[in-house]
N, C-alpha and C. Protein backbone atom coordinates (compact mmCIF):
# COMPACT_ATOMS: atom_id res chain seq x y z
N MET A 1 -73.29 -10.78 -43.80
CA MET A 1 -74.14 -11.99 -43.73
C MET A 1 -73.48 -12.80 -42.53
N THR A 2 -72.22 -13.01 -42.52
CA THR A 2 -71.56 -13.85 -41.55
C THR A 2 -71.80 -13.25 -40.16
N ALA A 3 -71.66 -11.89 -40.06
CA ALA A 3 -71.75 -11.21 -38.83
C ALA A 3 -73.15 -11.42 -38.26
N GLY A 4 -74.05 -11.37 -39.25
CA GLY A 4 -75.52 -11.55 -38.84
C GLY A 4 -75.72 -13.05 -38.33
N ALA A 5 -75.32 -14.05 -38.97
CA ALA A 5 -75.33 -15.31 -38.59
C ALA A 5 -74.69 -15.55 -37.12
N TYR A 6 -73.41 -15.01 -37.06
CA TYR A 6 -72.61 -15.08 -35.84
C TYR A 6 -73.58 -14.36 -34.68
N ARG A 7 -74.14 -13.28 -34.83
CA ARG A 7 -74.88 -12.80 -33.97
C ARG A 7 -75.92 -13.72 -33.39
N VAL A 8 -76.84 -14.30 -34.26
CA VAL A 8 -77.87 -15.18 -34.00
C VAL A 8 -77.21 -16.27 -33.06
N VAL A 9 -76.19 -16.85 -33.51
CA VAL A 9 -75.52 -17.93 -32.89
C VAL A 9 -75.12 -17.49 -31.39
N MET A 10 -74.43 -16.31 -31.37
CA MET A 10 -74.13 -15.74 -30.01
C MET A 10 -75.16 -15.51 -29.14
N ASP A 11 -76.27 -14.92 -29.65
CA ASP A 11 -77.51 -14.79 -28.93
C ASP A 11 -78.08 -15.92 -28.35
N SER A 12 -78.10 -17.09 -29.31
CA SER A 12 -78.65 -18.36 -28.70
C SER A 12 -77.65 -18.99 -27.58
N ASN A 13 -76.38 -18.89 -27.87
CA ASN A 13 -75.62 -19.51 -26.98
C ASN A 13 -75.08 -18.49 -25.88
N SER A 14 -75.28 -17.38 -26.09
CA SER A 14 -74.90 -16.23 -24.96
C SER A 14 -75.52 -16.67 -23.67
N VAL A 15 -76.55 -17.26 -23.66
CA VAL A 15 -77.16 -17.48 -22.35
C VAL A 15 -76.17 -18.43 -21.51
N SER A 16 -75.47 -19.31 -22.21
CA SER A 16 -74.42 -20.15 -21.33
C SER A 16 -72.99 -19.37 -21.30
N PRO A 17 -72.40 -19.17 -22.41
CA PRO A 17 -71.07 -18.68 -22.55
C PRO A 17 -70.87 -17.31 -21.92
N MET A 18 -71.91 -16.36 -22.48
CA MET A 18 -71.80 -14.95 -21.96
C MET A 18 -71.77 -14.82 -20.49
N PRO A 19 -72.71 -15.52 -19.65
CA PRO A 19 -72.83 -15.27 -18.23
C PRO A 19 -71.50 -15.69 -17.71
N GLU A 20 -70.99 -16.76 -18.30
CA GLU A 20 -69.88 -17.35 -17.64
C GLU A 20 -68.62 -16.29 -17.97
N LEU A 21 -68.50 -15.91 -19.16
CA LEU A 21 -67.31 -15.07 -19.65
C LEU A 21 -67.48 -13.79 -18.93
N ALA A 22 -68.58 -13.03 -18.86
CA ALA A 22 -68.81 -11.75 -18.03
C ALA A 22 -68.41 -11.89 -16.80
N PRO A 23 -68.92 -12.78 -15.93
CA PRO A 23 -68.50 -12.83 -14.53
C PRO A 23 -66.99 -13.07 -14.32
N ILE A 24 -66.49 -13.90 -15.09
CA ILE A 24 -65.04 -14.37 -14.97
C ILE A 24 -64.29 -13.23 -15.38
N ALA A 25 -64.49 -12.49 -16.55
CA ALA A 25 -63.74 -11.39 -16.81
C ALA A 25 -63.83 -10.18 -15.83
N GLU A 26 -65.06 -9.94 -15.38
CA GLU A 26 -65.21 -8.93 -14.31
C GLU A 26 -64.41 -9.38 -13.01
N PHE A 27 -64.50 -10.47 -12.69
CA PHE A 27 -63.82 -11.11 -11.60
C PHE A 27 -62.29 -10.92 -11.56
N ASP A 28 -61.86 -11.33 -12.79
CA ASP A 28 -60.40 -11.21 -13.06
C ASP A 28 -59.99 -9.84 -13.21
N LYS A 29 -60.69 -8.88 -13.64
CA LYS A 29 -60.20 -7.47 -13.83
C LYS A 29 -60.48 -6.74 -12.50
N THR A 30 -61.47 -6.83 -11.93
CA THR A 30 -61.82 -6.00 -10.64
C THR A 30 -61.05 -6.47 -9.49
N PRO A 31 -61.15 -7.57 -8.93
CA PRO A 31 -60.19 -8.09 -7.83
C PRO A 31 -58.83 -7.84 -7.93
N PRO A 32 -58.23 -8.38 -9.07
CA PRO A 32 -56.73 -8.17 -9.14
C PRO A 32 -56.16 -6.79 -8.87
N SER A 33 -56.90 -5.96 -9.50
CA SER A 33 -56.35 -4.35 -9.32
C SER A 33 -56.42 -3.84 -7.89
N PRO A 34 -57.45 -3.71 -7.41
CA PRO A 34 -57.51 -3.25 -5.99
C PRO A 34 -56.66 -4.01 -4.78
N PRO A 35 -56.88 -5.36 -4.89
CA PRO A 35 -56.28 -6.28 -4.00
C PRO A 35 -54.63 -6.06 -4.16
N ASN A 36 -54.23 -6.17 -5.32
CA ASN A 36 -52.93 -6.11 -5.74
C ASN A 36 -52.26 -4.83 -5.12
N GLU A 37 -52.85 -3.62 -5.19
CA GLU A 37 -52.32 -2.40 -4.63
C GLU A 37 -52.20 -2.63 -3.11
N GLU A 38 -53.44 -2.91 -2.52
CA GLU A 38 -53.52 -3.04 -1.10
C GLU A 38 -52.39 -4.06 -0.66
N THR A 39 -52.33 -5.16 -1.35
CA THR A 39 -51.37 -6.32 -0.95
C THR A 39 -49.91 -5.72 -1.19
N ALA A 40 -49.67 -4.81 -2.07
CA ALA A 40 -48.36 -4.43 -2.41
C ALA A 40 -47.81 -3.37 -1.31
N VAL A 41 -48.58 -2.72 -0.62
CA VAL A 41 -48.19 -1.83 0.42
C VAL A 41 -47.76 -2.75 1.58
N PRO A 42 -48.63 -3.63 2.04
CA PRO A 42 -48.17 -4.58 3.24
C PRO A 42 -47.00 -5.44 2.82
N MET A 43 -46.95 -6.02 1.66
CA MET A 43 -45.88 -6.82 1.26
C MET A 43 -44.42 -6.00 1.17
N ASP A 44 -44.79 -4.70 0.69
CA ASP A 44 -43.41 -3.87 0.66
C ASP A 44 -43.00 -3.59 2.03
N ASP A 45 -43.98 -3.38 3.04
CA ASP A 45 -43.67 -2.95 4.36
C ASP A 45 -42.97 -4.35 5.06
N LEU A 46 -43.45 -5.48 4.79
CA LEU A 46 -42.93 -6.68 5.52
C LEU A 46 -41.38 -6.86 5.08
N PRO A 47 -41.12 -7.07 3.82
CA PRO A 47 -39.77 -7.39 3.35
C PRO A 47 -38.73 -6.49 4.03
N PRO A 48 -38.98 -5.18 3.98
CA PRO A 48 -37.86 -4.09 4.26
C PRO A 48 -37.48 -4.50 5.85
N PRO A 49 -38.33 -4.75 6.83
CA PRO A 49 -37.87 -4.92 8.12
C PRO A 49 -36.91 -6.05 8.27
N PRO A 50 -37.28 -7.25 7.74
CA PRO A 50 -36.42 -8.33 7.93
C PRO A 50 -35.00 -8.23 7.19
N THR A 51 -35.10 -7.65 6.00
CA THR A 51 -33.82 -7.27 5.27
C THR A 51 -32.97 -6.49 6.10
N ALA A 52 -33.50 -5.22 6.56
CA ALA A 52 -32.75 -4.28 7.41
C ALA A 52 -32.22 -5.15 8.62
N THR A 53 -32.91 -5.84 9.25
CA THR A 53 -32.42 -6.66 10.45
C THR A 53 -31.18 -7.47 10.15
N VAL A 54 -31.40 -8.21 9.10
CA VAL A 54 -30.33 -9.07 8.45
C VAL A 54 -29.17 -8.19 8.17
N GLN A 55 -29.36 -6.97 7.40
CA GLN A 55 -28.12 -6.26 7.21
C GLN A 55 -27.58 -5.68 8.45
N GLU A 56 -28.20 -5.29 9.35
CA GLU A 56 -27.90 -4.81 10.67
C GLU A 56 -27.04 -5.85 11.38
N GLU A 57 -27.63 -6.98 11.39
CA GLU A 57 -26.91 -8.12 12.09
C GLU A 57 -25.47 -8.40 11.39
N LYS A 58 -25.60 -8.30 10.27
CA LYS A 58 -24.25 -8.65 9.42
C LYS A 58 -23.27 -7.48 9.76
N GLU A 59 -23.72 -6.25 9.83
CA GLU A 59 -22.80 -5.02 9.99
C GLU A 59 -22.21 -5.29 11.44
N LYS A 60 -23.10 -5.57 12.37
CA LYS A 60 -22.76 -5.87 13.76
C LYS A 60 -21.61 -6.85 13.93
N GLU A 61 -21.94 -8.01 13.26
CA GLU A 61 -21.02 -9.03 13.14
C GLU A 61 -19.64 -8.65 12.59
N ALA A 62 -19.77 -7.90 11.52
CA ALA A 62 -18.47 -7.46 10.82
C ALA A 62 -17.67 -6.38 11.91
N GLN A 63 -18.32 -5.61 12.47
CA GLN A 63 -17.67 -4.71 13.34
C GLN A 63 -17.07 -5.42 14.56
N GLU A 64 -17.87 -6.43 15.13
CA GLU A 64 -17.38 -7.11 16.12
C GLU A 64 -16.05 -8.01 15.66
N GLU A 65 -16.01 -8.54 14.57
CA GLU A 65 -14.91 -9.25 14.07
C GLU A 65 -13.82 -8.37 13.86
N ALA A 66 -14.03 -7.19 13.31
CA ALA A 66 -12.97 -6.25 13.10
C ALA A 66 -12.49 -5.69 14.45
């Protein structure tokens, strides 16, 4: 009985909340996955160069000091 009443309420209100929830959920689930993977590749590529350069500079300085 409760489920039936809930269904009727959801059907009546579904016009407002459902459309909002559906798009939001899809937008939240779809974009984050693909963009995250694509962004992870460039982001991973960017940090290594600067880090390597800093390490190389430190190593050079250490060698020069020694």
